[in-house]
C-alpha atoms as a PDB file:
ATOM      1  CA  MET A   1     134.152  96.417  80.862  1.00  0.00           C
ATOM      2  CA  ARG A   2     134.382  97.888  84.216  1.00  0.00           C
ATOM      3  CA  ALA A   3     135.473  95.383  87.256  1.00  0.00           C
ATOM      4  CA  PRO A   4     132.356  92.687  88.679  1.00  0.00           C
ATOM      5  CA  LEU A   5     131.153  94.723  92.059  1.00  0.00           C
ATOM      6  CA  GLU A   6     130.232  92.619  95.235  1.00  0.00           C
ATOM      7  CA  VAL A   7     127.500  93.988  97.960  1.00  0.00           C
ATOM      8  CA  ARG A   8     127.529  92.983 101.136  1.00  0.00           C
ATOM      9  CA  TRP A   9     125.897  93.791 104.223  1.00  0.00           C
ATOM     10  CA  SER A  10     126.953  96.400 106.470  1.00  0.00           C
ATOM     11  CA  ARG A  11     126.069  95.950 110.250  1.00  0.00           C
ATOM     12  CA  SER A  12     126.485  99.348 111.399  1.00  0.00           C
ATOM     13  CA  LYS A  13     123.796 100.523 109.192  1.00  0.00           C
ATOM     14  CA  GLN A  14     121.347  97.792 110.274  1.00  0.00           C
ATOM     15  CA  VAL A  15     122.117  98.642 113.727  1.00  0.00           C
ATOM     16  CA  GLY A  16     120.788 102.137 113.811  1.00  0.00           C
ATOM     17  CA  PRO A  17     116.880 101.668 112.937  1.00  0.00           C
ATOM     18  CA  LEU A  18     117.341  98.130 115.250  1.00  0.00           C
ATOM     19  CA  VAL A  19     117.952 100.610 118.569  1.00  0.00           C
ATOM     20  CA  LEU A  20     115.104 102.484 117.257  1.00  0.00           C
ATOM     21  CA  LEU A  21     112.575  99.891 116.774  1.00  0.00           C
ATOM     22  CA  GLY A  22     113.966  98.590 120.465  1.00  0.00           C
ATOM     23  CA  VAL A  23     112.992 101.581 122.301  1.00  0.00           C
ATOM     24  CA  PHE A  24     109.271 101.464 121.045  1.00  0.00           C
ATOM     25  CA  PHE A  25     109.002  98.066 121.875  1.00  0.00           C
ATOM     26  CA  LEU A  26     109.873  98.860 125.230  1.00  0.00           C
ATOM     27  CA  ALA A  27     107.355 101.929 125.120  1.00  0.00           C
ATOM     28  CA  VAL A  28     104.894  99.600 123.788  1.00  0.00           C
ATOM     29  CA  LEU A  29     106.186  96.791 126.302  1.00  0.00           C
ATOM     30  CA  LEU A  30     105.353  99.323 129.472  1.00  0.00           C
ATOM     31  CA  ALA A  31     102.656 100.440 128.530  1.00  0.00           C
ATOM     32  CA  TRP A  32     100.689  97.580 128.611  1.00  0.00           C
ATOM     33  CA  VAL A  33     101.943  96.149 131.901  1.00  0.00           C
ATOM     34  CA  PHE A  34     101.374  99.312 133.622  1.00  0.00           C
ATOM     35  CA  HIS A  35      97.871  99.241 132.067  1.00  0.00           C
ATOM     36  CA  VAL A  36      98.630 102.845 129.863  1.00  0.00           C
ATOM     37  CA  VAL A  37      96.835 101.585 126.850  1.00  0.00           C
ATOM     38  CA  PRO A  38      93.621  98.377 126.729  1.00  0.00           C
ATOM     39  CA  GLY A  39      95.796  94.755 127.324  1.00  0.00           C
ATOM     40  CA  TRP A  40      94.880  93.737 123.790  1.00  0.00           C
ATOM     41  CA  LEU A  41      96.269  96.359 122.180  1.00  0.00           C
ATOM     42  CA  GLY A  42      98.692  96.420 124.501  1.00  0.00           C
ATOM     43  CA  ALA A  43      99.936  92.795 123.847  1.00  0.00           C
ATOM     44  CA  LEU A  44      99.583  92.698 119.691  1.00  0.00           C
ATOM     45  CA  ASP A  45     101.578  95.423 119.892  1.00  0.00           C
ATOM     46  CA  THR A  46     104.154  93.918 122.326  1.00  0.00           C
ATOM     47  CA  VAL A  47     104.231  90.851 120.495  1.00  0.00           C
ATOM     48  CA  LEU A  48     104.488  92.715 116.775  1.00  0.00           C
ATOM     49  CA  PHE A  49     107.241  95.195 117.740  1.00  0.00           C
ATOM     50  CA  GLY A  50     108.870  92.115 119.782  1.00  0.00           C
ATOM     51  CA  GLY A  51     109.493  89.677 116.383  1.00  0.00           C
ATOM     52  CA  VAL A  52     110.342  92.171 114.264  1.00  0.00           C
ATOM     53  CA  VAL A  53     113.169  93.055 116.995  1.00  0.00           C
ATOM     54  CA  VAL A  54     114.174  89.479 117.496  1.00  0.00           C
ATOM     55  CA  TYR A  55     113.930  89.309 113.768  1.00  0.00           C
ATOM     56  CA  GLY A  56     116.312  92.347 113.371  1.00  0.00           C
ATOM     57  CA  LEU A  57     118.881  91.164 115.901  1.00  0.00           C
ATOM     58  CA  VAL A  58     118.442  87.136 114.412  1.00  0.00           C
ATOM     59  CA  SER A  59     119.363  89.048 111.560  1.00  0.00           C
ATOM     60  CA  LEU A  60     122.106  91.441 112.920  1.00  0.00           C
ATOM     61  CA  ARG A  61     123.958  87.951 114.578  1.00  0.00           C
ATOM     62  CA  ARG A  62     123.885  85.519 111.249  1.00  0.00           C
ATOM     63  CA  ILE A  63     125.409  88.677 109.184  1.00  0.00           C
ATOM     64  CA  ARG A  64     129.001  87.472 107.408  1.00  0.00           C
ATOM     65  CA  PRO A  65     130.161  90.880 106.088  1.00  0.00           C
ATOM     66  CA  ASP A  66     132.931  88.940 104.433  1.00  0.00           C
ATOM     67  CA  VAL A  67     130.274  86.843 102.022  1.00  0.00           C
ATOM     68  CA  ALA A  68     129.247  88.824  98.986  1.00  0.00           C
ATOM     69  CA  VAL A  69     124.768  88.957  99.101  1.00  0.00           C
ATOM     70  CA  ALA A  70     124.912  89.893  95.727  1.00  0.00           C
ATOM     71  CA  ARG A  71     127.576  90.103  92.796  1.00  0.00           C
ATOM     72  CA  LEU A  72     127.228  91.970  89.104  1.00  0.00           C
ATOM     73  CA  ASP A  73     129.195  91.312  86.583  1.00  0.00           C
ATOM     74  CA  GLU A  74     129.181  90.479  82.475  1.00  0.00           C
ATOM     75  CA  GLU A  75     126.878  87.688  83.384  1.00  0.00           C
ATOM     76  CA  GLY A  76     124.263  89.377  85.328  1.00  0.00           C
ATOM     77  CA  VAL A  77     123.183  89.783  88.905  1.00  0.00           C
ATOM     78  CA  THR A  78     123.309  86.625  91.547  1.00  0.00           C
ATOM     79  CA  VAL A  79     122.466  85.526  94.765  1.00  0.00           C
ATOM     80  CA  PRO A  80     123.203  83.495  97.030  1.00  0.00           C
ATOM     81  CA  GLY A  81     121.341  80.630  96.932  1.00  0.00           C
ATOM     82  CA  ALA A  82     120.198  81.342  92.891  1.00  0.00           C
ATOM     83  CA  ARG A  83     120.661  81.427  89.779  1.00  0.00           C
ATOM     84  CA  THR A  84     122.489  83.960  87.885  1.00  0.00           C
ATOM     85  CA  VAL A  85     119.795  86.434  86.200  1.00  0.00           C
ATOM     86  CA  PRO A  86     121.261  87.364  82.730  1.00  0.00           C
ATOM     87  CA  TRP A  87     120.915  91.492  81.515  1.00  0.00           C
ATOM     88  CA  SER A  88     118.473  90.338  79.000  1.00  0.00           C
ATOM     89  CA  ASP A  89     116.278  89.511  81.615  1.00  0.00           C
ATOM     90  CA  LEU A  90     116.373  92.848  83.022  1.00  0.00           C
ATOM     91  CA  ARG A  91     114.538  95.656  81.096  1.00  0.00           C
ATOM     92  CA  GLN A  92     115.704  98.966  84.040  1.00  0.00           C
ATOM     93  CA  VAL A  93     116.806  99.583  87.259  1.00  0.00           C
ATOM     94  CA  VAL A  94     115.010 101.919  89.712  1.00  0.00           C
ATOM     95  CA  VAL A  95     116.504 103.471  92.993  1.00  0.00           C
ATOM     96  CA  GLY A  96     113.822 104.713  95.518  1.00  0.00           C
ATOM     97  CA  PRO A  97     112.846 105.101  98.744  1.00  0.00           C
ATOM     98  CA  MET A  98     111.305 101.956 100.758  1.00  0.00           C
ATOM     99  CA  ARG A  99     107.189 101.517  99.821  1.00  0.00           C
ATOM    100  CA  PRO A 100     104.893 102.594 101.278  1.00  0.00           C
ATOM    101  CA  ALA A 101     106.711 105.666 100.080  1.00  0.00           C
ATOM    102  CA  TRP A 102     104.476 108.228 101.462  1.00  0.00           C
ATOM    103  CA  PHE A 103     105.260 106.298 105.183  1.00  0.00           C
ATOM    104  CA  LEU A 104     108.937 105.264 104.566  1.00  0.00           C
ATOM    105  CA  GLY A 105     109.968 107.343 102.123  1.00  0.00           C
ATOM    106  CA  SER A 106     112.805 108.545 103.048  1.00  0.00           C
ATOM    107  CA  ARG A 107     116.371 108.474 101.919  1.00  0.00           C
ATOM    108  CA  ARG A 108     118.214 106.450 104.330  1.00  0.00           C
ATOM    109  CA  LEU A 109     115.380 103.218 103.398  1.00  0.00           C
ATOM    110  CA  GLN A 110     117.044 103.411  99.374  1.00  0.00           C
ATOM    111  CA  VAL A 111     115.789 100.360  97.109  1.00  0.00           C
ATOM    112  CA  VAL A 112     117.032  99.578  94.561  1.00  0.00           C
ATOM    113  CA  SER A 113     115.224  97.035  92.011  1.00  0.00           C
ATOM    114  CA  PHE A 114     115.922  95.412  88.662  1.00  0.00           C
ATOM    115  CA  LEU A 115     112.814  95.066  86.929  1.00  0.00           C
ATOM    116  CA  PRO A 116     111.976  92.192  84.632  1.00  0.00           C
ATOM    117  CA  HIS A 117     110.991  91.658  80.852  1.00  0.00           C
ATOM    118  CA  ALA A 118     107.338  90.161  80.818  1.00  0.00           C
ATOM    119  CA  GLY A 119     107.772  86.574  81.499  1.00  0.00           C
ATOM    120  CA  ALA A 120     111.219  86.414  83.064  1.00  0.00           C
ATOM    121  CA  ASP A 121     111.152  84.340  86.819  1.00  0.00           C
ATOM    122  CA  LEU A 122     113.619  86.489  88.808  1.00  0.00           C
ATOM    123  CA  PRO A 123     114.844  85.427  92.553  1.00  0.00           C
ATOM    124  CA  GLY A 124     114.107  86.988  95.477  1.00  0.00           C
ATOM    125  CA  PRO A 125     116.041  88.989  97.373  1.00  0.00           C
ATOM    126  CA  PRO A 126     119.018  88.333  99.958  1.00  0.00           C
ATOM    127  CA  GLY A 127     118.485  87.714 103.295  1.00  0.00           C
ATOM    128  CA  PRO A 128     119.553  86.552 106.164  1.00  0.00           C
ATOM    129  CA  VAL A 129     117.343  84.642 107.695  1.00  0.00           C
ATOM    130  CA  ASN A 130     114.931  82.985 104.932  1.00  0.00           C
ATOM    131  CA  PRO A 131     115.714  84.245 101.525  1.00  0.00           C
ATOM    132  CA  GLN A 132     113.636  84.177  98.942  1.00  0.00           C
ATOM    133  CA  ARG A 133     111.086  82.099 101.047  1.00  0.00           C
ATOM    134  CA  TRP A 134     108.479  84.431 101.414  1.00  0.00           C
ATOM    135  CA  GLY A 135     106.976  87.871 100.220  1.00  0.00           C
ATOM    136  CA  ARG A 136     107.087  87.352  97.202  1.00  0.00           C
ATOM    137  CA  GLY A 137     103.438  88.902  95.774  1.00  0.00           C
ATOM    138  CA  PHE A 138     104.386  91.458  98.598  1.00  0.00           C
ATOM    139  CA  ARG A 139     107.330  92.783  96.387  1.00  0.00           C
ATOM    140  CA  GLU A 140     106.066  92.793  93.047  1.00  0.00           C
ATOM    141  CA  ARG A 141     103.266  94.708  94.087  1.00  0.00           C
ATOM    142  CA  LEU A 142     105.172  97.297  95.768  1.00  0.00           C
ATOM    143  CA  TYR A 143     108.249  97.404  94.074  1.00  0.00           C
ATOM    144  CA  GLY A 144     107.065  95.802  90.263  1.00  0.00           C
ATOM    145  CA  THR A 145     109.722  93.347  90.540  1.00  0.00           C
ATOM    146  CA  ASN A 146     110.442  90.066  93.393  1.00  0.00           C
ATOM    147  CA  LEU A 147     114.409  91.360  93.225  1.00  0.00           C
ATOM    148  CA  LEU A 148     115.884  93.950  94.922  1.00  0.00           C
ATOM    149  CA  LEU A 149     118.290  95.221  97.231  1.00  0.00           C
ATOM    150  CA  LEU A 150     118.058  97.140 100.358  1.00  0.00           C
ATOM    151  CA  SER A 151     120.981  99.147 100.081  1.00  0.00           C
ATOM    152  CA  SER A 152     120.537 100.928 102.805  1.00  0.00           C
ATOM    153  CA  ALA A 153     122.067  97.499 104.707  1.00  0.00           C
ATOM    154  CA  THR A 154     124.930  97.088 102.433  1.00  0.00           C
ATOM    155  CA  SER A 155     128.169  97.993 102.243  1.00  0.00           C
ATOM    156  CA  VAL A 156     126.895 100.056  98.596  1.00  0.00           C
ATOM    157  CA  ASP A 157     125.332 102.909  98.223  1.00  0.00           C
ATOM    158  CA  GLY A 158     122.505 102.246  95.591  1.00  0.00           C
ATOM    159  CA  ARG A 159     123.861 104.916  93.229  1.00  0.00           C
ATOM    160  CA  GLU A 160     126.467 102.780  92.413  1.00  0.00           C
ATOM    161  CA  ILE A 161     124.785  99.437  91.965  1.00  0.00           C
ATOM    162  CA  ALA A 162     122.815 101.333  89.260  1.00  0.00           C
ATOM    163  CA  GLN A 163     125.609 102.524  87.668  1.00  0.00           C
ATOM    164  CA  ALA A 164     127.019  99.164  87.675  1.00  0.00           C
ATOM    165  CA  ALA A 165     124.450  97.681  86.774  1.00  0.00           C
ATOM    166  CA  HIS A 166     124.496 100.591  83.822  1.00  0.00           C
ATOM    167  CA  GLU A 167     128.227 100.015  82.877  1.00  0.00           C
ATOM    168  CA  LEU A 168     127.553  96.123  82.919  1.00  0.00           C
ATOM    169  CA  GLY A 169     124.516  95.053  81.505  1.00  0.00           C
ATOM    170  CA  GLY A 170     123.670  98.385  79.291  1.00  0.00           C
ATOM    171  CA  LEU A 171     120.609  98.673  81.753  1.00  0.00           C
ATOM    172  CA  PRO A 172     118.941 102.312  81.912  1.00  0.00           C
ATOM    173  CA  VAL A 173     118.625 103.360  84.919  1.00  0.00           C
ATOM    174  CA  ARG A 174     115.286 105.916  86.970  1.00  0.00           C
ATOM    175  CA  HIS A 175     115.522 107.471  89.806  1.00  0.00           C
ATOM    176  CA  VAL A 176     112.434 107.636  92.250  1.00  0.00           C
ATOM    177  CA  PRO A 177     112.867 111.115  93.738  1.00  0.00           C
ATOM    178  CA  PHE A 178     113.377 110.466  97.812  1.00  0.00           C
ATOM    179  CA  HIS A 179     111.178 112.481 100.258  1.00  0.00           C
ATOM    180  CA  PRO A 180     112.838 113.167 104.105  1.00  0.00           C
ATOM    181  CA  VAL A 181     111.315 111.575 107.041  1.00  0.00           C
ATOM    182  CA  ARG A 182     107.706 112.773 107.340  1.00  0.00           C
ATOM    183  CA  ARG A 183     107.821 115.350 110.606  1.00  0.00           C
ATOM    184  CA  TRP A 184     104.545 113.949 111.897  1.00  0.00           C
ATOM    185  CA  LEU A 185     105.992 110.583 112.209  1.00  0.00           C
ATOM    186  CA  VAL A 186     108.502 112.064 113.975  1.00  0.00           C
ATOM    187  CA  VAL A 187     106.552 113.904 116.232  1.00  0.00           C
ATOM    188  CA  LEU A 188     103.720 111.259 116.903  1.00  0.00           C
ATOM    189  CA  GLY A 189     106.739 108.325 117.768  1.00  0.00           C
ATOM    190  CA  GLY A 190     108.584 110.869 120.281  1.00  0.00           C
ATOM    191  CA  ALA A 191     105.015 111.563 121.719  1.00  0.00           C
ATOM    192  CA  VAL A 192     103.717 108.262 122.465  1.00  0.00           C
ATOM    193  CA  VAL A 193     107.371 107.266 124.347  1.00  0.00           C
ATOM    194  CA  LEU A 194     106.884 110.476 126.561  1.00  0.00           C
ATOM    195  CA  GLY A 195     103.275 109.755 127.171  1.00  0.00           C
ATOM    196  CA  VAL A 196     104.614 106.154 127.933  1.00  0.00           C
ATOM    197  CA  ALA A 197     106.941 107.232 130.190  1.00  0.00           C
ATOM    198  CA  ILE A 198     104.609 110.519 132.154  1.00  0.00           C
ATOM    199  CA  ALA A 199     101.996 107.151 132.596  1.00  0.00           C
ATOM    200  CA  VAL A 200     104.446 105.083 134.348  1.00  0.00           C
ATOM    201  CA  VAL A 201     105.992 107.376 136.308  1.00  0.00           C
ATOM    202  CA  ARG A 202     102.349 108.858 137.842  1.00  0.00           C
ATOM    203  CA  ARG A 203     101.525 104.965 138.623  1.00  0.00           C
ATOM    204  CA  LEU A 204     104.956 104.305 139.874  1.00  0.00           C
ATOM    205  CA  VAL A 205     104.568 107.317 142.002  1.00  0.00           C
ATOM    206  CA  GLY A 206     100.956 107.362 142.790  1.00  0.00           C
END
């Protein structure tokens, strides 16, 4: 029997995406302040992006790398604040991209999903802010389960987590193909930021 696997949050993996969100937030805020976009749209986008950035900052602040957010052992899977899910309640573990994959299909946004047997009630995933208190229906629609780990934000790679589930609990593992981040998304984001910057400069010098 292999040794138990403890999964912890990784601050370093979460800084990059948060910085990118911060750049978009500043671009949207400037677009609103300098009337580059309609007022209602700028206000809405600023609130949405600002909320995500604040949530990310609060989450980053609350992360404790010394505390395990999930443990896989011979008994099953345990996340803080919830009962241990025995291996008998699980039928498969899936490693794949964050969904919707057509939009977020990137190897950097990797999710490990623990699929339950019919009738099994699984706890939600760990989270630094309000863990397990929201999003159950959303997770079950997208991933087919309420219990998943965003391994792109943790200290352990998704494949290693899946391997541990296979060796400790005998679960079959399925790997969903990844696709690179859509080039059109990168181009669109860059174009938005560049367009806002040009518009702001024109207003300042005009």
